[in-house]
N, C-alpha and C. Protein backbone atom coordinates (compact mmCIF):
# COMPACT_ATOMS: atom_id res chain seq x y z
N MET A 1 40.36 18.55 -2.48
CA MET A 1 39.41 17.47 -2.77
C MET A 1 38.17 17.66 -1.88
N ALA A 2 37.03 17.62 -2.49
CA ALA A 2 35.79 17.82 -1.75
C ALA A 2 35.47 16.58 -0.89
N ALA A 3 34.98 16.84 0.29
CA ALA A 3 34.58 15.77 1.15
C ALA A 3 33.30 15.11 0.65
N THR A 4 33.27 13.82 0.73
CA THR A 4 32.03 13.15 0.36
C THR A 4 31.16 13.00 1.59
N HIS A 5 29.91 13.20 1.42
CA HIS A 5 28.94 13.10 2.53
C HIS A 5 28.19 11.80 2.40
N PRO A 6 27.88 11.20 3.52
CA PRO A 6 27.04 10.00 3.46
C PRO A 6 25.66 10.39 2.94
N PRO A 7 24.93 9.44 2.39
CA PRO A 7 23.58 9.75 1.90
C PRO A 7 22.71 10.31 3.05
N HIS A 8 21.86 11.23 2.68
CA HIS A 8 20.93 11.78 3.66
C HIS A 8 19.93 10.72 4.08
N VAL A 9 19.45 10.83 5.30
CA VAL A 9 18.49 9.87 5.83
C VAL A 9 17.24 9.84 4.92
N THR A 10 16.81 11.00 4.46
CA THR A 10 15.63 11.04 3.58
C THR A 10 15.86 10.21 2.33
N ALA A 11 17.00 10.28 1.74
CA ALA A 11 17.31 9.50 0.55
C ALA A 11 17.35 8.00 0.89
N LEU A 12 17.90 7.66 2.04
CA LEU A 12 17.93 6.25 2.46
C LEU A 12 16.55 5.71 2.72
N LEU A 13 15.70 6.49 3.35
CA LEU A 13 14.32 6.06 3.59
C LEU A 13 13.58 5.81 2.27
N TYR A 14 13.80 6.73 1.33
CA TYR A 14 13.17 6.58 0.02
C TYR A 14 13.69 5.32 -0.70
N GLU A 15 14.98 5.08 -0.69
CA GLU A 15 15.54 3.94 -1.33
C GLU A 15 15.03 2.65 -0.69
N ALA A 16 14.93 2.63 0.64
CA ALA A 16 14.38 1.46 1.34
C ALA A 16 12.94 1.23 0.94
N TYR A 17 12.18 2.31 0.88
CA TYR A 17 10.77 2.21 0.45
C TYR A 17 10.67 1.62 -0.94
N MET A 18 11.53 2.10 -1.86
CA MET A 18 11.49 1.62 -3.25
C MET A 18 11.83 0.14 -3.33
N ARG A 19 12.81 -0.32 -2.57
CA ARG A 19 13.17 -1.74 -2.57
C ARG A 19 12.05 -2.58 -2.05
N LEU A 20 11.43 -2.18 -0.95
CA LEU A 20 10.30 -2.94 -0.39
C LEU A 20 9.12 -2.92 -1.33
N SER A 21 8.90 -1.79 -1.95
CA SER A 21 7.79 -1.66 -2.92
C SER A 21 8.02 -2.56 -4.11
N ASP A 22 9.26 -2.59 -4.62
CA ASP A 22 9.58 -3.47 -5.74
C ASP A 22 9.37 -4.94 -5.38
N PHE A 23 9.78 -5.32 -4.19
CA PHE A 23 9.61 -6.72 -3.72
C PHE A 23 8.12 -7.05 -3.69
N THR A 24 7.33 -6.15 -3.13
CA THR A 24 5.89 -6.38 -3.06
C THR A 24 5.26 -6.44 -4.43
N PHE A 25 5.67 -5.53 -5.33
CA PHE A 25 5.09 -5.55 -6.66
C PHE A 25 5.44 -6.78 -7.43
N GLU A 26 6.66 -7.26 -7.33
CA GLU A 26 7.06 -8.50 -8.02
C GLU A 26 6.21 -9.67 -7.56
N ALA A 27 5.92 -9.72 -6.25
CA ALA A 27 5.07 -10.81 -5.74
C ALA A 27 3.63 -10.64 -6.26
N SER A 28 3.17 -9.41 -6.39
CA SER A 28 1.83 -9.16 -6.90
C SER A 28 1.72 -9.62 -8.38
N LYS A 29 2.79 -9.36 -9.14
CA LYS A 29 2.77 -9.78 -10.55
C LYS A 29 2.69 -11.30 -10.68
N GLU A 30 3.28 -12.02 -9.73
CA GLU A 30 3.17 -13.49 -9.75
C GLU A 30 1.73 -13.91 -9.54
N PHE A 31 1.02 -13.17 -8.69
CA PHE A 31 -0.38 -13.45 -8.41
C PHE A 31 -1.26 -13.08 -9.59
N ASP A 32 -0.99 -11.89 -10.15
CA ASP A 32 -1.77 -11.42 -11.30
C ASP A 32 -0.93 -10.44 -12.10
N PRO A 33 -0.43 -10.85 -13.27
CA PRO A 33 0.47 -9.99 -14.06
C PRO A 33 -0.21 -8.72 -14.57
N ARG A 34 -1.54 -8.62 -14.46
CA ARG A 34 -2.23 -7.43 -14.92
C ARG A 34 -2.13 -6.29 -13.92
N LEU A 35 -1.73 -6.57 -12.69
CA LEU A 35 -1.62 -5.54 -11.66
C LEU A 35 -0.44 -4.62 -11.99
N ARG A 36 -0.62 -3.31 -11.64
CA ARG A 36 0.38 -2.31 -11.86
C ARG A 36 0.84 -1.74 -10.50
N PRO A 37 2.02 -1.16 -10.42
CA PRO A 37 2.46 -0.57 -9.17
C PRO A 37 1.48 0.46 -8.61
N ALA A 38 0.86 1.23 -9.47
CA ALA A 38 -0.09 2.27 -9.01
C ALA A 38 -1.28 1.66 -8.26
N HIS A 39 -1.62 0.40 -8.54
CA HIS A 39 -2.77 -0.22 -7.87
C HIS A 39 -2.51 -0.37 -6.37
N SER A 40 -1.24 -0.40 -5.99
CA SER A 40 -0.94 -0.58 -4.57
C SER A 40 -1.50 0.55 -3.73
N ALA A 41 -1.65 1.74 -4.28
CA ALA A 41 -2.21 2.87 -3.56
C ALA A 41 -3.66 2.56 -3.12
N VAL A 42 -4.37 1.78 -3.95
CA VAL A 42 -5.72 1.42 -3.59
C VAL A 42 -5.74 0.37 -2.49
N PHE A 43 -4.97 -0.69 -2.69
CA PHE A 43 -4.93 -1.76 -1.71
C PHE A 43 -4.45 -1.28 -0.38
N PHE A 44 -3.47 -0.43 -0.37
CA PHE A 44 -2.87 0.09 0.89
C PHE A 44 -3.84 0.95 1.68
N HIS A 45 -4.66 1.75 0.96
CA HIS A 45 -5.52 2.71 1.66
C HIS A 45 -6.98 2.27 1.78
N MET A 46 -7.33 1.12 1.24
CA MET A 46 -8.72 0.65 1.36
C MET A 46 -9.12 0.41 2.80
N GLU A 47 -10.37 0.52 3.04
CA GLU A 47 -10.94 0.15 4.35
C GLU A 47 -11.84 -1.02 4.07
N HIS A 48 -11.67 -2.09 4.80
CA HIS A 48 -12.32 -3.36 4.44
C HIS A 48 -13.84 -3.26 4.44
N GLU A 49 -14.39 -2.42 5.28
CA GLU A 49 -15.87 -2.26 5.31
C GLU A 49 -16.38 -1.40 4.19
N GLY A 50 -15.45 -0.81 3.43
CA GLY A 50 -15.82 0.03 2.28
C GLY A 50 -15.37 1.46 2.52
N ILE A 51 -15.17 2.18 1.45
CA ILE A 51 -14.71 3.55 1.51
C ILE A 51 -15.20 4.31 0.29
N ARG A 52 -15.49 5.59 0.48
CA ARG A 52 -15.87 6.40 -0.66
C ARG A 52 -14.64 6.78 -1.46
N LEU A 53 -14.83 6.98 -2.74
CA LEU A 53 -13.70 7.31 -3.63
C LEU A 53 -12.99 8.58 -3.15
N SER A 54 -13.75 9.59 -2.77
CA SER A 54 -13.12 10.87 -2.35
C SER A 54 -12.21 10.65 -1.14
N ARG A 55 -12.64 9.84 -0.18
CA ARG A 55 -11.82 9.55 1.00
C ARG A 55 -10.58 8.74 0.64
N LEU A 56 -10.75 7.77 -0.25
CA LEU A 56 -9.63 6.95 -0.68
C LEU A 56 -8.59 7.83 -1.40
N ALA A 57 -9.03 8.71 -2.25
CA ALA A 57 -8.12 9.61 -2.95
C ALA A 57 -7.39 10.51 -1.94
N GLU A 58 -8.13 11.00 -0.96
CA GLU A 58 -7.51 11.86 0.05
C GLU A 58 -6.43 11.12 0.80
N LYS A 59 -6.72 9.88 1.24
CA LYS A 59 -5.75 9.08 1.99
C LYS A 59 -4.50 8.78 1.18
N ALA A 60 -4.67 8.57 -0.12
CA ALA A 60 -3.53 8.27 -1.01
C ALA A 60 -2.87 9.51 -1.56
N GLN A 61 -3.38 10.68 -1.19
CA GLN A 61 -2.86 11.96 -1.68
C GLN A 61 -2.88 12.01 -3.21
N MET A 62 -4.00 11.64 -3.77
CA MET A 62 -4.21 11.62 -5.23
C MET A 62 -5.47 12.44 -5.54
N THR A 63 -5.60 12.81 -6.79
CA THR A 63 -6.87 13.45 -7.19
C THR A 63 -7.96 12.40 -7.29
N PRO A 64 -9.21 12.77 -7.05
CA PRO A 64 -10.31 11.81 -7.22
C PRO A 64 -10.32 11.21 -8.62
N GLN A 65 -9.96 11.99 -9.63
CA GLN A 65 -9.96 11.49 -11.01
C GLN A 65 -8.94 10.39 -11.19
N ALA A 66 -7.73 10.60 -10.69
CA ALA A 66 -6.69 9.58 -10.81
C ALA A 66 -7.06 8.31 -10.04
N MET A 67 -7.62 8.53 -8.82
CA MET A 67 -8.05 7.36 -8.04
C MET A 67 -9.19 6.62 -8.73
N GLY A 68 -10.09 7.38 -9.31
CA GLY A 68 -11.20 6.77 -10.04
C GLY A 68 -10.73 5.84 -11.15
N GLU A 69 -9.65 6.26 -11.84
CA GLU A 69 -9.12 5.40 -12.91
C GLU A 69 -8.57 4.10 -12.34
N LEU A 70 -7.89 4.18 -11.19
CA LEU A 70 -7.38 2.97 -10.55
C LEU A 70 -8.51 2.07 -10.09
N ILE A 71 -9.54 2.66 -9.54
CA ILE A 71 -10.72 1.90 -9.09
C ILE A 71 -11.37 1.23 -10.28
N ASP A 72 -11.52 1.95 -11.39
CA ASP A 72 -12.10 1.37 -12.60
C ASP A 72 -11.26 0.15 -13.06
N ASP A 73 -9.92 0.31 -13.05
CA ASP A 73 -9.05 -0.81 -13.45
C ASP A 73 -9.27 -2.02 -12.55
N LEU A 74 -9.27 -1.79 -11.25
CA LEU A 74 -9.38 -2.92 -10.33
C LEU A 74 -10.80 -3.50 -10.33
N GLN A 75 -11.77 -2.72 -10.63
CA GLN A 75 -13.15 -3.24 -10.75
C GLN A 75 -13.21 -4.12 -12.03
N GLU A 76 -12.62 -3.65 -13.09
CA GLU A 76 -12.58 -4.44 -14.33
C GLU A 76 -11.83 -5.75 -14.15
N LEU A 77 -10.79 -5.73 -13.29
CA LEU A 77 -10.02 -6.94 -13.03
C LEU A 77 -10.71 -7.86 -12.01
N GLY A 78 -11.79 -7.39 -11.41
CA GLY A 78 -12.58 -8.24 -10.52
C GLY A 78 -12.21 -8.13 -9.05
N TYR A 79 -11.41 -7.13 -8.66
CA TYR A 79 -10.96 -7.02 -7.29
C TYR A 79 -11.87 -6.13 -6.41
N LEU A 80 -12.54 -5.19 -7.05
CA LEU A 80 -13.38 -4.22 -6.31
C LEU A 80 -14.74 -4.12 -6.97
N ARG A 81 -15.68 -3.61 -6.18
CA ARG A 81 -17.01 -3.27 -6.75
C ARG A 81 -17.49 -2.06 -6.01
N ARG A 82 -18.45 -1.40 -6.65
CA ARG A 82 -19.09 -0.22 -6.05
C ARG A 82 -20.47 -0.65 -5.57
N VAL A 83 -20.81 -0.25 -4.33
CA VAL A 83 -22.12 -0.56 -3.77
C VAL A 83 -22.71 0.72 -3.16
N PRO A 84 -24.01 0.79 -3.04
CA PRO A 84 -24.61 1.97 -2.40
C PRO A 84 -24.10 2.12 -0.95
N ASP A 85 -23.88 3.36 -0.57
CA ASP A 85 -23.44 3.66 0.81
C ASP A 85 -24.71 3.68 1.67
N PRO A 86 -24.80 2.82 2.70
CA PRO A 86 -26.01 2.79 3.53
C PRO A 86 -26.26 4.12 4.24
N ALA A 87 -25.21 4.94 4.45
CA ALA A 87 -25.37 6.24 5.10
C ALA A 87 -25.92 7.27 4.17
N ASP A 88 -25.75 7.08 2.85
CA ASP A 88 -26.22 8.05 1.86
C ASP A 88 -26.38 7.28 0.56
N ARG A 89 -27.60 6.88 0.24
CA ARG A 89 -27.86 6.00 -0.92
C ARG A 89 -27.41 6.62 -2.25
N ARG A 90 -27.23 7.94 -2.26
CA ARG A 90 -26.75 8.56 -3.52
C ARG A 90 -25.26 8.34 -3.73
N ALA A 91 -24.56 8.05 -2.66
CA ALA A 91 -23.09 7.84 -2.72
C ALA A 91 -22.79 6.35 -2.87
N LYS A 92 -21.55 6.08 -3.32
CA LYS A 92 -21.11 4.70 -3.51
C LYS A 92 -19.94 4.40 -2.58
N LEU A 93 -19.90 3.17 -2.09
CA LEU A 93 -18.74 2.70 -1.35
C LEU A 93 -17.99 1.74 -2.27
N ILE A 94 -16.69 1.76 -2.15
CA ILE A 94 -15.84 0.80 -2.86
C ILE A 94 -15.48 -0.29 -1.88
N VAL A 95 -15.77 -1.53 -2.27
CA VAL A 95 -15.53 -2.67 -1.39
C VAL A 95 -14.76 -3.75 -2.20
N PHE A 96 -14.11 -4.65 -1.46
CA PHE A 96 -13.43 -5.77 -2.08
C PHE A 96 -14.45 -6.81 -2.51
N THR A 97 -14.17 -7.48 -3.61
CA THR A 97 -14.90 -8.66 -4.04
C THR A 97 -14.21 -9.86 -3.37
N GLU A 98 -14.72 -11.06 -3.55
CA GLU A 98 -14.05 -12.25 -3.02
C GLU A 98 -12.64 -12.34 -3.61
N GLU A 99 -12.52 -12.04 -4.91
CA GLU A 99 -11.16 -12.08 -5.53
C GLU A 99 -10.26 -11.03 -4.92
N GLY A 100 -10.83 -9.88 -4.58
CA GLY A 100 -10.06 -8.85 -3.91
C GLY A 100 -9.58 -9.29 -2.53
N ASP A 101 -10.47 -9.98 -1.82
CA ASP A 101 -10.07 -10.52 -0.49
C ASP A 101 -8.91 -11.52 -0.65
N ARG A 102 -8.99 -12.38 -1.67
CA ARG A 102 -7.91 -13.34 -1.91
C ARG A 102 -6.60 -12.62 -2.21
N ALA A 103 -6.68 -11.59 -3.04
CA ALA A 103 -5.49 -10.83 -3.38
C ALA A 103 -4.90 -10.16 -2.11
N LEU A 104 -5.78 -9.63 -1.28
CA LEU A 104 -5.34 -8.99 -0.03
C LEU A 104 -4.63 -10.00 0.89
N THR A 105 -5.19 -11.20 0.97
CA THR A 105 -4.58 -12.26 1.75
C THR A 105 -3.17 -12.58 1.24
N LYS A 106 -3.00 -12.65 -0.09
CA LYS A 106 -1.68 -12.87 -0.71
C LYS A 106 -0.73 -11.73 -0.34
N GLU A 107 -1.23 -10.52 -0.42
CA GLU A 107 -0.39 -9.37 -0.11
C GLU A 107 0.07 -9.37 1.34
N TYR A 108 -0.85 -9.77 2.26
CA TYR A 108 -0.47 -9.87 3.66
C TYR A 108 0.64 -10.90 3.84
N ALA A 109 0.60 -11.98 3.11
CA ALA A 109 1.65 -13.03 3.18
C ALA A 109 2.97 -12.43 2.71
N VAL A 110 2.95 -11.59 1.68
CA VAL A 110 4.19 -10.94 1.20
C VAL A 110 4.71 -10.01 2.25
N ILE A 111 3.81 -9.25 2.89
CA ILE A 111 4.28 -8.32 3.94
C ILE A 111 4.85 -9.12 5.11
N ASP A 112 4.23 -10.23 5.46
CA ASP A 112 4.80 -11.10 6.52
C ASP A 112 6.18 -11.56 6.16
N GLU A 113 6.41 -11.91 4.88
CA GLU A 113 7.74 -12.33 4.42
C GLU A 113 8.75 -11.21 4.55
N ILE A 114 8.35 -10.01 4.17
CA ILE A 114 9.22 -8.85 4.31
C ILE A 114 9.58 -8.68 5.80
N GLU A 115 8.59 -8.77 6.69
CA GLU A 115 8.85 -8.64 8.11
C GLU A 115 9.83 -9.68 8.61
N ARG A 116 9.67 -10.94 8.13
CA ARG A 116 10.57 -12.03 8.52
C ARG A 116 12.01 -11.74 8.06
N ARG A 117 12.12 -11.28 6.83
CA ARG A 117 13.45 -10.97 6.28
C ARG A 117 14.11 -9.81 7.03
N LEU A 118 13.31 -8.79 7.36
CA LEU A 118 13.84 -7.68 8.15
C LEU A 118 14.29 -8.12 9.55
N ALA A 119 13.51 -9.01 10.17
CA ALA A 119 13.87 -9.53 11.48
C ALA A 119 15.15 -10.35 11.38
N ASP A 120 15.31 -11.13 10.36
CA ASP A 120 16.55 -11.91 10.16
C ASP A 120 17.74 -10.97 9.97
N MET A 121 17.52 -9.88 9.24
CA MET A 121 18.58 -8.91 8.94
C MET A 121 18.96 -8.08 10.16
N LEU A 122 17.94 -7.59 10.87
CA LEU A 122 18.16 -6.64 11.98
C LEU A 122 18.15 -7.26 13.36
N GLY A 123 17.60 -8.48 13.46
CA GLY A 123 17.35 -9.05 14.77
C GLY A 123 16.02 -8.48 15.26
N GLU A 124 15.41 -9.20 16.21
CA GLU A 124 14.13 -8.76 16.76
C GLU A 124 14.21 -7.38 17.41
N ASP A 125 15.28 -7.16 18.19
CA ASP A 125 15.42 -5.85 18.83
C ASP A 125 15.60 -4.73 17.80
N GLY A 126 16.39 -5.02 16.76
CA GLY A 126 16.58 -4.02 15.71
C GLY A 126 15.29 -3.68 14.97
N LEU A 127 14.50 -4.73 14.70
CA LEU A 127 13.23 -4.51 14.01
C LEU A 127 12.26 -3.73 14.92
N THR A 128 12.24 -4.05 16.19
CA THR A 128 11.41 -3.32 17.12
C THR A 128 11.86 -1.86 17.20
N GLY A 129 13.15 -1.62 17.20
CA GLY A 129 13.68 -0.25 17.21
C GLY A 129 13.33 0.52 15.96
N LEU A 130 13.47 -0.18 14.81
CA LEU A 130 13.11 0.45 13.53
C LEU A 130 11.64 0.81 13.51
N HIS A 131 10.81 -0.13 13.96
CA HIS A 131 9.34 0.12 13.99
C HIS A 131 9.06 1.37 14.85
N GLY A 132 9.64 1.44 16.01
CA GLY A 132 9.39 2.57 16.89
C GLY A 132 9.87 3.88 16.30
N THR A 133 11.05 3.84 15.68
CA THR A 133 11.59 5.06 15.08
C THR A 133 10.70 5.53 13.91
N LEU A 134 10.29 4.61 13.07
CA LEU A 134 9.41 5.01 11.94
C LEU A 134 8.07 5.55 12.41
N LYS A 135 7.49 4.91 13.45
CA LYS A 135 6.23 5.41 13.96
C LYS A 135 6.41 6.84 14.51
N ARG A 136 7.54 7.05 15.17
CA ARG A 136 7.82 8.38 15.73
C ARG A 136 7.96 9.41 14.63
N ILE A 137 8.64 9.07 13.56
CA ILE A 137 8.78 10.01 12.44
C ILE A 137 7.40 10.33 11.87
N ILE A 138 6.57 9.31 11.73
CA ILE A 138 5.24 9.52 11.13
C ILE A 138 4.34 10.37 12.01
N THR A 139 4.40 10.12 13.32
CA THR A 139 3.49 10.84 14.23
C THR A 139 4.01 12.19 14.71
N ASP A 140 5.33 12.29 14.86
CA ASP A 140 5.87 13.51 15.52
C ASP A 140 6.56 14.49 14.57
N PHE A 141 6.79 14.14 13.31
CA PHE A 141 7.53 15.06 12.44
C PHE A 141 6.60 16.00 11.76
């Protein structure tokens, strides 16, 4: 009989990410049912003072074309707008609209809820340890 192996850490991290992502997306749909999971790549990687599309695509590890489609969607939904870049008037910055700021505030509230639930589940020391371990994986791996 073959020995069963516990799930790999990589698989567990992915599953945890997917559960947290699903929780966040369900909350987003309550705010605006037109939002799609792919839009989270924009919200997550935006810079509040504005960002060029090419930089946003790079941060999200997407092609500029794919990111451009997401930006177009969110602009049409009223969350983003394109404005001239003061450093280079030929270029455009993507910035949040007032509606985008409201959506971001709602998303921060969802993230705070996730943090509260994790603290309840793991305890404050456990959450602090998880935070430190994840930061270490991100910076040192």
